[in-house]
Amino acid sequence: MFEFIKQGLDAFVNLKPKESMEDKKTEIGSQQFISQDVMFILLIIFVILLLVFVLGKYCWNNYLVDAVPGIQPLTSITQFVAIWFVAQTLFTK
Protein backbone atom coordinates (compact mmCIF):
# COMPACT_ATOMS: atom_id res chain seq x y z
CA MET A 1 0.00 0.00 0.00
CA PHE A 2 2.76 2.47 0.91
CA GLU A 3 4.65 1.59 -2.27
CA PHE A 4 1.55 2.54 -4.27
CA ILE A 5 1.37 5.92 -2.50
CA LYS A 6 5.10 6.48 -3.04
CA GLN A 7 4.78 5.73 -6.76
CA GLY A 8 1.86 8.13 -7.03
CA LEU A 9 3.78 10.90 -5.28
CA ASP A 10 6.86 10.27 -7.40
CA ALA A 11 4.79 10.52 -10.56
CA PHE A 12 3.01 13.66 -9.35
CA VAL A 13 6.08 15.51 -8.11
CA ASN A 14 8.44 14.01 -10.69
CA LEU A 15 11.16 13.36 -8.13
CA LYS A 16 14.64 12.77 -9.46
CA PRO A 17 17.61 11.00 -7.89
CA LYS A 18 20.13 12.99 -5.83
CA GLU A 19 22.63 13.01 -8.68
CA SER A 20 20.35 15.15 -10.82
CA MET A 21 19.96 17.73 -8.04
CA GLU A 22 23.67 18.46 -8.37
CA ASP A 23 23.14 19.31 -12.04
CA LYS A 24 20.89 22.25 -11.09
CA LYS A 25 23.65 23.97 -9.16
CA THR A 26 26.06 26.08 -11.11
CA GLU A 27 29.66 26.17 -10.02
CA ILE A 28 32.37 28.66 -10.85
CA GLY A 29 35.68 27.68 -9.33
CA SER A 30 35.12 26.71 -5.71
CA GLN A 31 32.02 28.91 -5.27
CA GLN A 32 28.56 27.37 -5.40
CA PHE A 33 25.59 29.54 -6.33
CA ILE A 34 21.94 29.08 -5.39
CA SER A 35 19.88 27.31 -8.02
CA GLN A 36 17.33 29.19 -10.08
CA ASP A 37 14.47 27.34 -8.40
CA VAL A 38 15.48 28.61 -4.97
CA MET A 39 15.87 32.15 -6.25
CA PHE A 40 12.42 31.98 -7.86
CA ILE A 41 10.84 30.75 -4.61
CA LEU A 42 12.54 33.53 -2.63
CA LEU A 43 11.32 36.11 -5.14
CA ILE A 44 7.75 34.81 -4.90
CA ILE A 45 7.89 34.91 -1.08
CA PHE A 46 9.19 38.49 -1.19
CA VAL A 47 6.44 39.61 -3.57
CA ILE A 48 3.72 37.94 -1.46
CA LEU A 49 5.01 39.56 1.73
CA LEU A 50 5.19 42.93 0.01
CA LEU A 51 1.57 42.58 -1.13
CA VAL A 52 0.49 41.58 2.39
CA PHE A 53 2.21 44.61 3.88
CA VAL A 54 0.82 47.09 1.34
CA LEU A 55 -2.72 45.67 1.60
CA GLY A 56 -2.42 45.56 5.39
CA LYS A 57 -1.49 49.24 5.55
CA TYR A 58 -4.34 50.09 3.18
CA CYS A 59 -6.91 48.14 5.24
CA TRP A 60 -5.55 49.60 8.48
CA ASN A 61 -5.83 53.19 7.26
CA ASN A 62 -9.16 52.85 5.46
CA TYR A 63 -11.14 50.45 7.65
CA LEU A 64 -9.62 49.96 11.10
CA VAL A 65 -9.09 53.67 11.79
CA ASP A 66 -12.77 54.34 11.04
CA ALA A 67 -14.09 51.29 12.92
CA VAL A 68 -12.06 51.44 16.16
CA PRO A 69 -11.79 54.69 18.10
CA GLY A 70 -8.29 55.54 19.28
CA ILE A 71 -6.47 53.84 16.38
CA GLN A 72 -4.20 56.23 14.49
CA PRO A 73 -3.43 55.91 10.75
CA LEU A 74 -0.09 54.45 9.70
CA THR A 75 2.32 56.74 7.91
CA SER A 76 4.55 54.07 6.37
CA ILE A 77 4.63 50.38 5.55
CA THR A 78 7.45 49.87 8.06
CA GLN A 79 5.02 50.67 10.87
CA PHE A 80 2.73 47.92 9.63
CA VAL A 81 5.69 45.52 9.32
CA ALA A 82 6.62 46.24 12.96
CA ILE A 83 3.03 45.67 14.14
CA TRP A 84 2.84 42.47 12.08
CA PHE A 85 6.15 41.23 13.55
CA VAL A 86 5.03 41.90 17.13
CA ALA A 87 1.67 40.21 16.51
CA GLN A 88 3.38 37.16 14.98
CA THR A 89 5.77 36.96 17.90
CA LEU A 90 3.06 37.26 20.55
CA PHE A 91 0.25 35.22 19.06
CA THR A 92 1.82 32.28 17.24
CA LYS A 93 2.52 28.88 18.74
PDB file of N, CA and C in Angstrom:
ATOM      1  N   MET A   1       0.820  -1.183   0.000  1.00  0.00           N
ATOM      2  CA  MET A   1       0.000   0.000   0.000  1.00  0.00           C
ATOM      3  C   MET A   1       0.871   1.256   0.000  1.00  0.00           C
ATOM      4  N   PHE A   2       1.902   1.294   0.847  1.00  0.00           N
ATOM      5  CA  PHE A   2       2.758   2.466   0.908  1.00  0.00           C
ATOM      6  C   PHE A   2       3.571   2.629  -0.367  1.00  0.00           C
ATOM      7  N   GLU A   3       3.911   1.520  -1.011  1.00  0.00           N
ATOM      8  CA  GLU A   3       4.647   1.591  -2.273  1.00  0.00           C
ATOM      9  C   GLU A   3       3.772   2.238  -3.349  1.00  0.00           C
ATOM     10  N   PHE A   4       2.483   1.934  -3.329  1.00  0.00           N
ATOM     11  CA  PHE A   4       1.546   2.541  -4.271  1.00  0.00           C
ATOM     12  C   PHE A   4       1.475   4.057  -4.066  1.00  0.00           C
ATOM     13  N   ILE A   5       1.414   4.491  -2.809  1.00  0.00           N
ATOM     14  CA  ILE A   5       1.372   5.917  -2.497  1.00  0.00           C
ATOM     15  C   ILE A   5       2.670   6.592  -2.927  1.00  0.00           C
ATOM     16  N   LYS A   6       3.806   5.928  -2.658  1.00  0.00           N
ATOM     17  CA  LYS A   6       5.104   6.481  -3.038  1.00  0.00           C
ATOM     18  C   LYS A   6       5.206   6.625  -4.551  1.00  0.00           C
ATOM     19  N   GLN A   7       4.742   5.643  -5.298  1.00  0.00           N
ATOM     20  CA  GLN A   7       4.782   5.727  -6.756  1.00  0.00           C
ATOM     21  C   GLN A   7       3.909   6.869  -7.265  1.00  0.00           C
ATOM     22  N   GLY A   8       2.747   7.038  -6.639  1.00  0.00           N
ATOM     23  CA  GLY A   8       1.862   8.127  -7.032  1.00  0.00           C
ATOM     24  C   GLY A   8       2.481   9.481  -6.765  1.00  0.00           C
ATOM     25  N   LEU A   9       3.112   9.638  -5.595  1.00  0.00           N
ATOM     26  CA  LEU A   9       3.776  10.898  -5.275  1.00  0.00           C
ATOM     27  C   LEU A   9       4.960  11.154  -6.195  1.00  0.00           C
ATOM     28  N   ASP A  10       5.728  10.111  -6.488  1.00  0.00           N
ATOM     29  CA  ASP A  10       6.862  10.267  -7.398  1.00  0.00           C
ATOM     30  C   ASP A  10       6.400  10.712  -8.779  1.00  0.00           C
ATOM     31  N   ALA A  11       5.298  10.140  -9.249  1.00  0.00           N
ATOM     32  CA  ALA A  11       4.790  10.520 -10.564  1.00  0.00           C
ATOM     33  C   ALA A  11       4.242  11.942 -10.550  1.00  0.00           C
ATOM     34  N   PHE A  12       3.606  12.330  -9.434  1.00  0.00           N
ATOM     35  CA  PHE A  12       3.013  13.664  -9.347  1.00  0.00           C
ATOM     36  C   PHE A  12       4.076  14.743  -9.216  1.00  0.00           C
ATOM     37  N   VAL A  13       5.058  14.512  -8.382  1.00  0.00           N
ATOM     38  CA  VAL A  13       6.078  15.515  -8.107  1.00  0.00           C
ATOM     39  C   VAL A  13       7.235  15.410  -9.089  1.00  0.00           C
ATOM     40  N   ASN A  14       7.361  14.264  -9.744  1.00  0.00           N
ATOM     41  CA  ASN A  14       8.445  14.011 -10.690  1.00  0.00           C
ATOM     42  C   ASN A  14       9.799  14.114  -9.982  1.00  0.00           C
ATOM     43  N   LEU A  15       9.922  13.352  -8.892  1.00  0.00           N
ATOM     44  CA  LEU A  15      11.164  13.358  -8.129  1.00  0.00           C
ATOM     45  C   LEU A  15      12.286  12.726  -8.938  1.00  0.00           C
ATOM     46  N   LYS A  16      13.473  13.262  -8.747  1.00  0.00           N
ATOM     47  CA  LYS A  16      14.640  12.770  -9.456  1.00  0.00           C
ATOM     48  C   LYS A  16      15.669  12.310  -8.433  1.00  0.00           C
ATOM     49  N   PRO A  17      16.575  11.445  -8.830  1.00  0.00           N
ATOM     50  CA  PRO A  17      17.606  11.002  -7.890  1.00  0.00           C
ATOM     51  C   PRO A  17      18.510  12.155  -7.458  1.00  0.00           C
ATOM     52  N   LYS A  18      19.270  11.942  -6.385  1.00  0.00           N
ATOM     53  CA  LYS A  18      20.126  12.989  -5.831  1.00  0.00           C
ATOM     54  C   LYS A  18      21.185  13.459  -6.816  1.00  0.00           C
ATOM     55  N   GLU A  19      21.607  12.603  -7.722  1.00  0.00           N
ATOM     56  CA  GLU A  19      22.629  13.012  -8.679  1.00  0.00           C
ATOM     57  C   GLU A  19      22.134  14.152  -9.568  1.00  0.00           C
ATOM     58  N   SER A  20      20.856  14.123  -9.926  1.00  0.00           N
ATOM     59  CA  SER A  20      20.347  15.151 -10.819  1.00  0.00           C
ATOM     60  C   SER A  20      20.173  16.487 -10.099  1.00  0.00           C
ATOM     61  N   MET A  21      20.052  16.479  -8.784  1.00  0.00           N
ATOM     62  CA  MET A  21      19.961  17.725  -8.041  1.00  0.00           C
ATOM     63  C   MET A  21      21.269  18.501  -8.122  1.00  0.00           C
ATOM     64  N   GLU A  22      22.372  17.794  -8.240  1.00  0.00           N
ATOM     65  CA  GLU A  22      23.665  18.462  -8.369  1.00  0.00           C
ATOM     66  C   GLU A  22      23.789  19.167  -9.716  1.00  0.00           C
ATOM     67  N   ASP A  23      23.077  18.683 -10.717  1.00  0.00           N
ATOM     68  CA  ASP A  23      23.140  19.308 -12.038  1.00  0.00           C
ATOM     69  C   ASP A  23      22.515  20.698 -12.043  1.00  0.00           C
ATOM     70  N   LYS A  24      21.557  20.956 -11.126  1.00  0.00           N
ATOM     71  CA  LYS A  24      20.889  22.247 -11.095  1.00  0.00           C
ATOM     72  C   LYS A  24      21.775  23.338 -10.526  1.00  0.00           C
ATOM     73  N   LYS A  25      22.770  22.982  -9.761  1.00  0.00           N
ATOM     74  CA  LYS A  25      23.651  23.966  -9.161  1.00  0.00           C
ATOM     75  C   LYS A  25      24.726  24.368 -10.159  1.00  0.00           C
ATOM     76  N   THR A  26      24.992  25.624 -10.236  1.00  0.00           N
ATOM     77  CA  THR A  26      26.063  26.084 -11.108  1.00  0.00           C
ATOM     78  C   THR A  26      27.283  26.366 -10.260  1.00  0.00           C
ATOM     79  N   GLU A  27      28.424  25.979 -10.755  1.00  0.00           N
ATOM     80  CA  GLU A  27      29.657  26.168 -10.023  1.00  0.00           C
ATOM     81  C   GLU A  27      30.645  26.981 -10.863  1.00  0.00           C
ATOM     82  N   ILE A  28      31.269  27.924 -10.228  1.00  0.00           N
ATOM     83  CA  ILE A  28      32.367  28.663 -10.853  1.00  0.00           C
ATOM     84  C   ILE A  28      33.517  28.590  -9.872  1.00  0.00           C
ATOM     85  N   GLY A  29      34.558  27.876 -10.241  1.00  0.00           N
ATOM     86  CA  GLY A  29      35.684  27.682  -9.331  1.00  0.00           C
ATOM     87  C   GLY A  29      35.248  26.880  -8.117  1.00  0.00           C
ATOM     88  N   SER A  30      35.511  27.402  -6.942  1.00  0.00           N
ATOM     89  CA  SER A  30      35.118  26.708  -5.715  1.00  0.00           C
ATOM     90  C   SER A  30      33.828  27.273  -5.142  1.00  0.00           C
ATOM     91  N   GLN A  31      33.254  28.326  -5.774  1.00  0.00           N
ATOM     92  CA  GLN A  31      32.020  28.914  -5.275  1.00  0.00           C
ATOM     93  C   GLN A  31      30.821  28.158  -5.820  1.00  0.00           C
ATOM     94  N   GLN A  32      29.772  28.058  -4.993  1.00  0.00           N
ATOM     95  CA  GLN A  32      28.558  27.368  -5.399  1.00  0.00           C
ATOM     96  C   GLN A  32      27.401  28.357  -5.266  1.00  0.00           C
ATOM     97  N   PHE A  33      26.672  28.576  -6.334  1.00  0.00           N
ATOM     98  CA  PHE A  33      25.594  29.540  -6.329  1.00  0.00           C
ATOM     99  C   PHE A  33      24.266  28.833  -6.067  1.00  0.00           C
ATOM    100  N   ILE A  34      23.281  29.607  -5.651  1.00  0.00           N
ATOM    101  CA  ILE A  34      21.941  29.076  -5.389  1.00  0.00           C
ATOM    102  C   ILE A  34      21.274  28.779  -6.730  1.00  0.00           C
ATOM    103  N   SER A  35      20.539  27.690  -6.774  1.00  0.00           N
ATOM    104  CA  SER A  35      19.885  27.309  -8.022  1.00  0.00           C
ATOM    105  C   SER A  35      18.779  28.305  -8.378  1.00  0.00           C
ATOM    106  N   GLN A  36      18.360  28.270  -9.608  1.00  0.00           N
ATOM    107  CA  GLN A  36      17.331  29.191 -10.084  1.00  0.00           C
ATOM    108  C   GLN A  36      15.996  28.924  -9.411  1.00  0.00           C
ATOM    109  N   ASP A  37      15.722  27.669  -9.072  1.00  0.00           N
ATOM    110  CA  ASP A  37      14.465  27.343  -8.403  1.00  0.00           C
ATOM    111  C   ASP A  37      14.378  28.015  -7.040  1.00  0.00           C
ATOM    112  N   VAL A  38      15.463  27.992  -6.299  1.00  0.00           N
ATOM    113  CA  VAL A  38      15.476  28.606  -4.973  1.00  0.00           C
ATOM    114  C   VAL A  38      15.325  30.114  -5.092  1.00  0.00           C
ATOM    115  N   MET A  39      15.993  30.710  -6.045  1.00  0.00           N
ATOM    116  CA  MET A  39      15.871  32.154  -6.255  1.00  0.00           C
ATOM    117  C   MET A  39      14.441  32.539  -6.647  1.00  0.00           C
ATOM    118  N   PHE A  40      13.798  31.718  -7.463  1.00  0.00           N
ATOM    119  CA  PHE A  40      12.420  31.980  -7.861  1.00  0.00           C
ATOM    120  C   PHE A  40      11.485  31.902  -6.657  1.00  0.00           C
ATOM    121  N   ILE A  41      11.678  30.908  -5.809  1.00  0.00           N
ATOM    122  CA  ILE A  41      10.842  30.753  -4.611  1.00  0.00           C
ATOM    123  C   ILE A  41      11.038  31.942  -3.677  1.00  0.00           C
ATOM    124  N   LEU A  42      12.287  32.372  -3.486  1.00  0.00           N
ATOM    125  CA  LEU A  42      12.545  33.529  -2.630  1.00  0.00           C
ATOM    126  C   LEU A  42      11.916  34.797  -3.201  1.00  0.00           C
ATOM    127  N   LEU A  43      11.950  34.960  -4.505  1.00  0.00           N
ATOM    128  CA  LEU A  43      11.322  36.110  -5.140  1.00  0.00           C
ATOM    129  C   LEU A  43       9.809  36.095  -4.938  1.00  0.00           C
ATOM    130  N   ILE A  44       9.195  34.944  -5.096  1.00  0.00           N
ATOM    131  CA  ILE A  44       7.754  34.812  -4.896  1.00  0.00           C
ATOM    132  C   ILE A  44       7.384  35.132  -3.452  1.00  0.00           C
ATOM    133  N   ILE A  45       8.150  34.622  -2.492  1.00  0.00           N
ATOM    134  CA  ILE A  45       7.887  34.907  -1.078  1.00  0.00           C
ATOM    135  C   ILE A  45       7.991  36.408  -0.808  1.00  0.00           C
ATOM    136  N   PHE A  46       9.015  37.047  -1.364  1.00  0.00           N
ATOM    137  CA  PHE A  46       9.193  38.489  -1.189  1.00  0.00           C
ATOM    138  C   PHE A  46       8.011  39.270  -1.762  1.00  0.00           C
ATOM    139  N   VAL A  47       7.565  38.908  -2.940  1.00  0.00           N
ATOM    140  CA  VAL A  47       6.438  39.606  -3.571  1.00  0.00           C
ATOM    141  C   VAL A  47       5.162  39.419  -2.761  1.00  0.00           C
ATOM    142  N   ILE A  48       4.927  38.203  -2.267  1.00  0.00           N
ATOM    143  CA  ILE A  48       3.724  37.939  -1.461  1.00  0.00           C
ATOM    144  C   ILE A  48       3.761  38.750  -0.173  1.00  0.00           C
ATOM    145  N   LEU A  49       4.908  38.772   0.505  1.00  0.00           N
ATOM    146  CA  LEU A  49       5.008  39.564   1.733  1.00  0.00           C
ATOM    147  C   LEU A  49       4.822  41.053   1.453  1.00  0.00           C
ATOM    148  N   LEU A  50       5.367  41.529   0.366  1.00  0.00           N
ATOM    149  CA  LEU A  50       5.195  42.931   0.010  1.00  0.00           C
ATOM    150  C   LEU A  50       3.717  43.258  -0.220  1.00  0.00           C
ATOM    151  N   LEU A  51       3.005  42.381  -0.918  1.00  0.00           N
ATOM    152  CA  LEU A  51       1.568  42.579  -1.126  1.00  0.00           C
ATOM    153  C   LEU A  51       0.804  42.561   0.186  1.00  0.00           C
ATOM    154  N   VAL A  52       1.157  41.648   1.084  1.00  0.00           N
ATOM    155  CA  VAL A  52       0.492  41.580   2.389  1.00  0.00           C
ATOM    156  C   VAL A  52       0.710  42.875   3.156  1.00  0.00           C
ATOM    157  N   PHE A  53       1.917  43.392   3.133  1.00  0.00           N
ATOM    158  CA  PHE A  53       2.213  44.611   3.877  1.00  0.00           C
ATOM    159  C   PHE A  53       1.497  45.831   3.279  1.00  0.00           C
ATOM    160  N   VAL A  54       1.488  45.947   1.970  1.00  0.00           N
ATOM    161  CA  VAL A  54       0.816  47.088   1.337  1.00  0.00           C
ATOM    162  C   VAL A  54      -0.693  47.009   1.557  1.00  0.00           C
ATOM    163  N   LEU A  55      -1.286  45.827   1.368  1.00  0.00           N
ATOM    164  CA  LEU A  55      -2.722  45.669   1.598  1.00  0.00           C
ATOM    165  C   LEU A  55      -3.071  45.831   3.070  1.00  0.00           C
ATOM    166  N   GLY A  56      -2.191  45.387   3.963  1.00  0.00           N
ATOM    167  CA  GLY A  56      -2.423  45.557   5.390  1.00  0.00           C
ATOM    168  C   GLY A  56      -2.447  47.022   5.792  1.00  0.00           C
ATOM    169  N   LYS A  57      -1.513  47.797   5.264  1.00  0.00           N
ATOM    170  CA  LYS A  57      -1.494  49.238   5.549  1.00  0.00           C
ATOM    171  C   LYS A  57      -2.745  49.905   4.988  1.00  0.00           C
ATOM    172  N   TYR A  58      -3.136  49.509   3.793  1.00  0.00           N
ATOM    173  CA  TYR A  58      -4.337  50.086   3.181  1.00  0.00           C
ATOM    174  C   TYR A  58      -5.579  49.790   4.024  1.00  0.00           C
ATOM    175  N   CYS A  59      -5.739  48.522   4.423  1.00  0.00           N
ATOM    176  CA  CYS A  59      -6.907  48.144   5.238  1.00  0.00           C
ATOM    177  C   CYS A  59      -6.870  48.831   6.601  1.00  0.00           C
ATOM    178  N   TRP A  60      -5.682  48.934   7.188  1.00  0.00           N
ATOM    179  CA  TRP A  60      -5.546  49.604   8.480  1.00  0.00           C
ATOM    180  C   TRP A  60      -6.021  51.054   8.381  1.00  0.00           C
ATOM    181  N   ASN A  61      -5.514  51.765   7.374  1.00  0.00           N
ATOM    182  CA  ASN A  61      -5.833  53.193   7.261  1.00  0.00           C
ATOM    183  C   ASN A  61      -7.264  53.452   6.817  1.00  0.00           C
ATOM    184  N   ASN A  62      -7.837  52.575   6.006  1.00  0.00           N
ATOM    185  CA  ASN A  62      -9.160  52.848   5.456  1.00  0.00           C
ATOM    186  C   ASN A  62     -10.306  52.200   6.222  1.00  0.00           C
ATOM    187  N   TYR A  63     -10.045  51.142   6.967  1.00  0.00           N
ATOM    188  CA  TYR A  63     -11.137  50.453   7.648  1.00  0.00           C
ATOM    189  C   TYR A  63     -10.972  50.442   9.163  1.00  0.00           C
ATOM    190  N   LEU A  64      -9.803  50.092   9.656  1.00  0.00           N
ATOM    191  CA  LEU A  64      -9.616  49.958  11.098  1.00  0.00           C
ATOM    192  C   LEU A  64      -9.650  51.314  11.797  1.00  0.00           C
ATOM    193  N   VAL A  65      -9.087  52.330  11.183  1.00  0.00           N
ATOM    194  CA  VAL A  65      -9.089  53.671  11.786  1.00  0.00           C
ATOM    195  C   VAL A  65     -10.515  54.176  11.951  1.00  0.00           C
ATOM    196  N   ASP A  66     -11.373  53.903  10.961  1.00  0.00           N
ATOM    197  CA  ASP A  66     -12.771  54.337  11.042  1.00  0.00           C
ATOM    198  C   ASP A  66     -13.584  53.497  12.017  1.00  0.00           C
ATOM    199  N   ALA A  67     -13.266  52.200  12.126  1.00  0.00           N
ATOM    200  CA  ALA A  67     -14.088  51.292  12.922  1.00  0.00           C
ATOM    201  C   ALA A  67     -13.746  51.296  14.408  1.00  0.00           C
ATOM    202  N   VAL A  68     -12.486  51.531  14.762  1.00  0.00           N
ATOM    203  CA  VAL A  68     -12.058  51.441  16.157  1.00  0.00           C
ATOM    204  C   VAL A  68     -11.585  52.819  16.614  1.00  0.00           C
ATOM    205  N   PRO A  69     -12.254  53.389  17.620  1.00  0.00           N
ATOM    206  CA  PRO A  69     -11.794  54.688  18.104  1.00  0.00           C
ATOM    207  C   PRO A  69     -10.442  54.556  18.808  1.00  0.00           C
ATOM    208  N   GLY A  70      -9.600  55.539  18.627  1.00  0.00           N
ATOM    209  CA  GLY A  70      -8.293  55.537  19.277  1.00  0.00           C
ATOM    210  C   GLY A  70      -7.175  54.986  18.424  1.00  0.00           C
ATOM    211  N   ILE A  71      -7.496  54.372  17.284  1.00  0.00           N
ATOM    212  CA  ILE A  71      -6.474  53.843  16.383  1.00  0.00           C
ATOM    213  C   ILE A  71      -6.036  54.968  15.440  1.00  0.00           C
ATOM    214  N   GLN A  72      -4.745  55.189  15.356  1.00  0.00           N
ATOM    215  CA  GLN A  72      -4.196  56.231  14.487  1.00  0.00           C
ATOM    216  C   GLN A  72      -3.804  55.634  13.133  1.00  0.00           C
ATOM    217  N   PRO A  73      -3.874  56.407  12.061  1.00  0.00           N
ATOM    218  CA  PRO A  73      -3.435  55.911  10.750  1.00  0.00           C
ATOM    219  C   PRO A  73      -1.923  55.676  10.720  1.00  0.00           C
ATOM    220  N   LEU A  74      -1.516  54.733   9.885  1.00  0.00           N
ATOM    221  CA  LEU A  74      -0.092  54.452   9.704  1.00  0.00           C
ATOM    222  C   LEU A  74       0.470  55.398   8.656  1.00  0.00           C
ATOM    223  N   THR A  75       1.707  55.836   8.873  1.00  0.00           N
ATOM    224  CA  THR A  75       2.323  56.743   7.909  1.00  0.00           C
ATOM    225  C   THR A  75       3.243  56.027   6.934  1.00  0.00           C
ATOM    226  N   SER A  76       3.679  54.806   7.284  1.00  0.00           N
ATOM    227  CA  SER A  76       4.554  54.067   6.372  1.00  0.00           C
ATOM    228  C   SER A  76       4.309  52.573   6.506  1.00  0.00           C
ATOM    229  N   ILE A  77       4.778  51.844   5.539  1.00  0.00           N
ATOM    230  CA  ILE A  77       4.632  50.381   5.550  1.00  0.00           C
ATOM    231  C   ILE A  77       5.485  49.772   6.658  1.00  0.00           C
ATOM    232  N   THR A  78       6.590  50.425   7.009  1.00  0.00           N
ATOM    233  CA  THR A  78       7.450  49.869   8.063  1.00  0.00           C
ATOM    234  C   THR A  78       6.736  49.819   9.409  1.00  0.00           C
ATOM    235  N   GLN A  79       5.810  50.739   9.644  1.00  0.00           N
ATOM    236  CA  GLN A  79       5.018  50.668  10.871  1.00  0.00           C
ATOM    237  C   GLN A  79       4.140  49.417  10.859  1.00  0.00           C
ATOM    238  N   PHE A  80       3.544  49.119   9.720  1.00  0.00           N
ATOM    239  CA  PHE A  80       2.726  47.915   9.633  1.00  0.00           C
ATOM    240  C   PHE A  80       3.588  46.663   9.775  1.00  0.00           C
ATOM    241  N   VAL A  81       4.779  46.660   9.194  1.00  0.00           N
ATOM    242  CA  VAL A  81       5.687  45.521   9.321  1.00  0.00           C
ATOM    243  C   VAL A  81       6.037  45.298  10.789  1.00  0.00           C
ATOM    244  N   ALA A  82       6.298  46.376  11.535  1.00  0.00           N
ATOM    245  CA  ALA A  82       6.618  46.243  12.956  1.00  0.00           C
ATOM    246  C   ALA A  82       5.436  45.691  13.735  1.00  0.00           C
ATOM    247  N   ILE A  83       4.233  46.182  13.457  1.00  0.00           N
ATOM    248  CA  ILE A  83       3.035  45.672  14.136  1.00  0.00           C
ATOM    249  C   ILE A  83       2.811  44.211  13.780  1.00  0.00           C
ATOM    250  N   TRP A  84       3.001  43.854  12.519  1.00  0.00           N
ATOM    251  CA  TRP A  84       2.845  42.465  12.084  1.00  0.00           C
ATOM    252  C   TRP A  84       3.852  41.558  12.782  1.00  0.00           C
ATOM    253  N   PHE A  85       5.110  42.016  12.892  1.00  0.00           N
ATOM    254  CA  PHE A  85       6.148  41.225  13.551  1.00  0.00           C
ATOM    255  C   PHE A  85       5.823  41.002  15.025  1.00  0.00           C
ATOM    256  N   VAL A  86       5.381  42.043  15.718  1.00  0.00           N
ATOM    257  CA  VAL A  86       5.026  41.904  17.133  1.00  0.00           C
ATOM    258  C   VAL A  86       3.835  40.963  17.292  1.00  0.00           C
ATOM    259  N   ALA A  87       2.835  41.093  16.430  1.00  0.00           N
ATOM    260  CA  ALA A  87       1.669  40.206  16.509  1.00  0.00           C
ATOM    261  C   ALA A  87       2.055  38.762  16.236  1.00  0.00           C
ATOM    262  N   GLN A  88       2.921  38.523  15.269  1.00  0.00           N
ATOM    263  CA  GLN A  88       3.375  37.158  14.977  1.00  0.00           C
ATOM    264  C   GLN A  88       4.168  36.590  16.137  1.00  0.00           C
ATOM    265  N   THR A  89       4.970  37.411  16.776  1.00  0.00           N
ATOM    266  CA  THR A  89       5.771  36.956  17.904  1.00  0.00           C
ATOM    267  C   THR A  89       4.889  36.629  19.108  1.00  0.00           C
ATOM    268  N   LEU A  90       3.891  37.450  19.366  1.00  0.00           N
ATOM    269  CA  LEU A  90       3.064  37.259  20.549  1.00  0.00           C
ATOM    270  C   LEU A  90       2.007  36.172  20.385  1.00  0.00           C
ATOM    271  N   PHE A  91       1.430  36.055  19.208  1.00  0.00           N
ATOM    272  CA  PHE A  91       0.248  35.220  19.055  1.00  0.00           C
ATOM    273  C   PHE A  91       0.419  33.943  18.259  1.00  0.00           C
ATOM    274  N   THR A  92       1.620  33.550  17.932  1.00  0.00           N
ATOM    275  CA  THR A  92       1.822  32.278  17.239  1.00  0.00           C
ATOM    276  C   THR A  92       2.315  31.231  18.220  1.00  0.00           C
ATOM    277  N   LYS A  93       2.139  29.994  17.848  1.00  0.00           N
ATOM    278  CA  LYS A  93       2.519  28.885  18.738  1.00  0.00           C
ATOM    279  C   LYS A  93       4.003  28.682  18.767  1.00  0.00           C
TER     280      LYS A  93
END
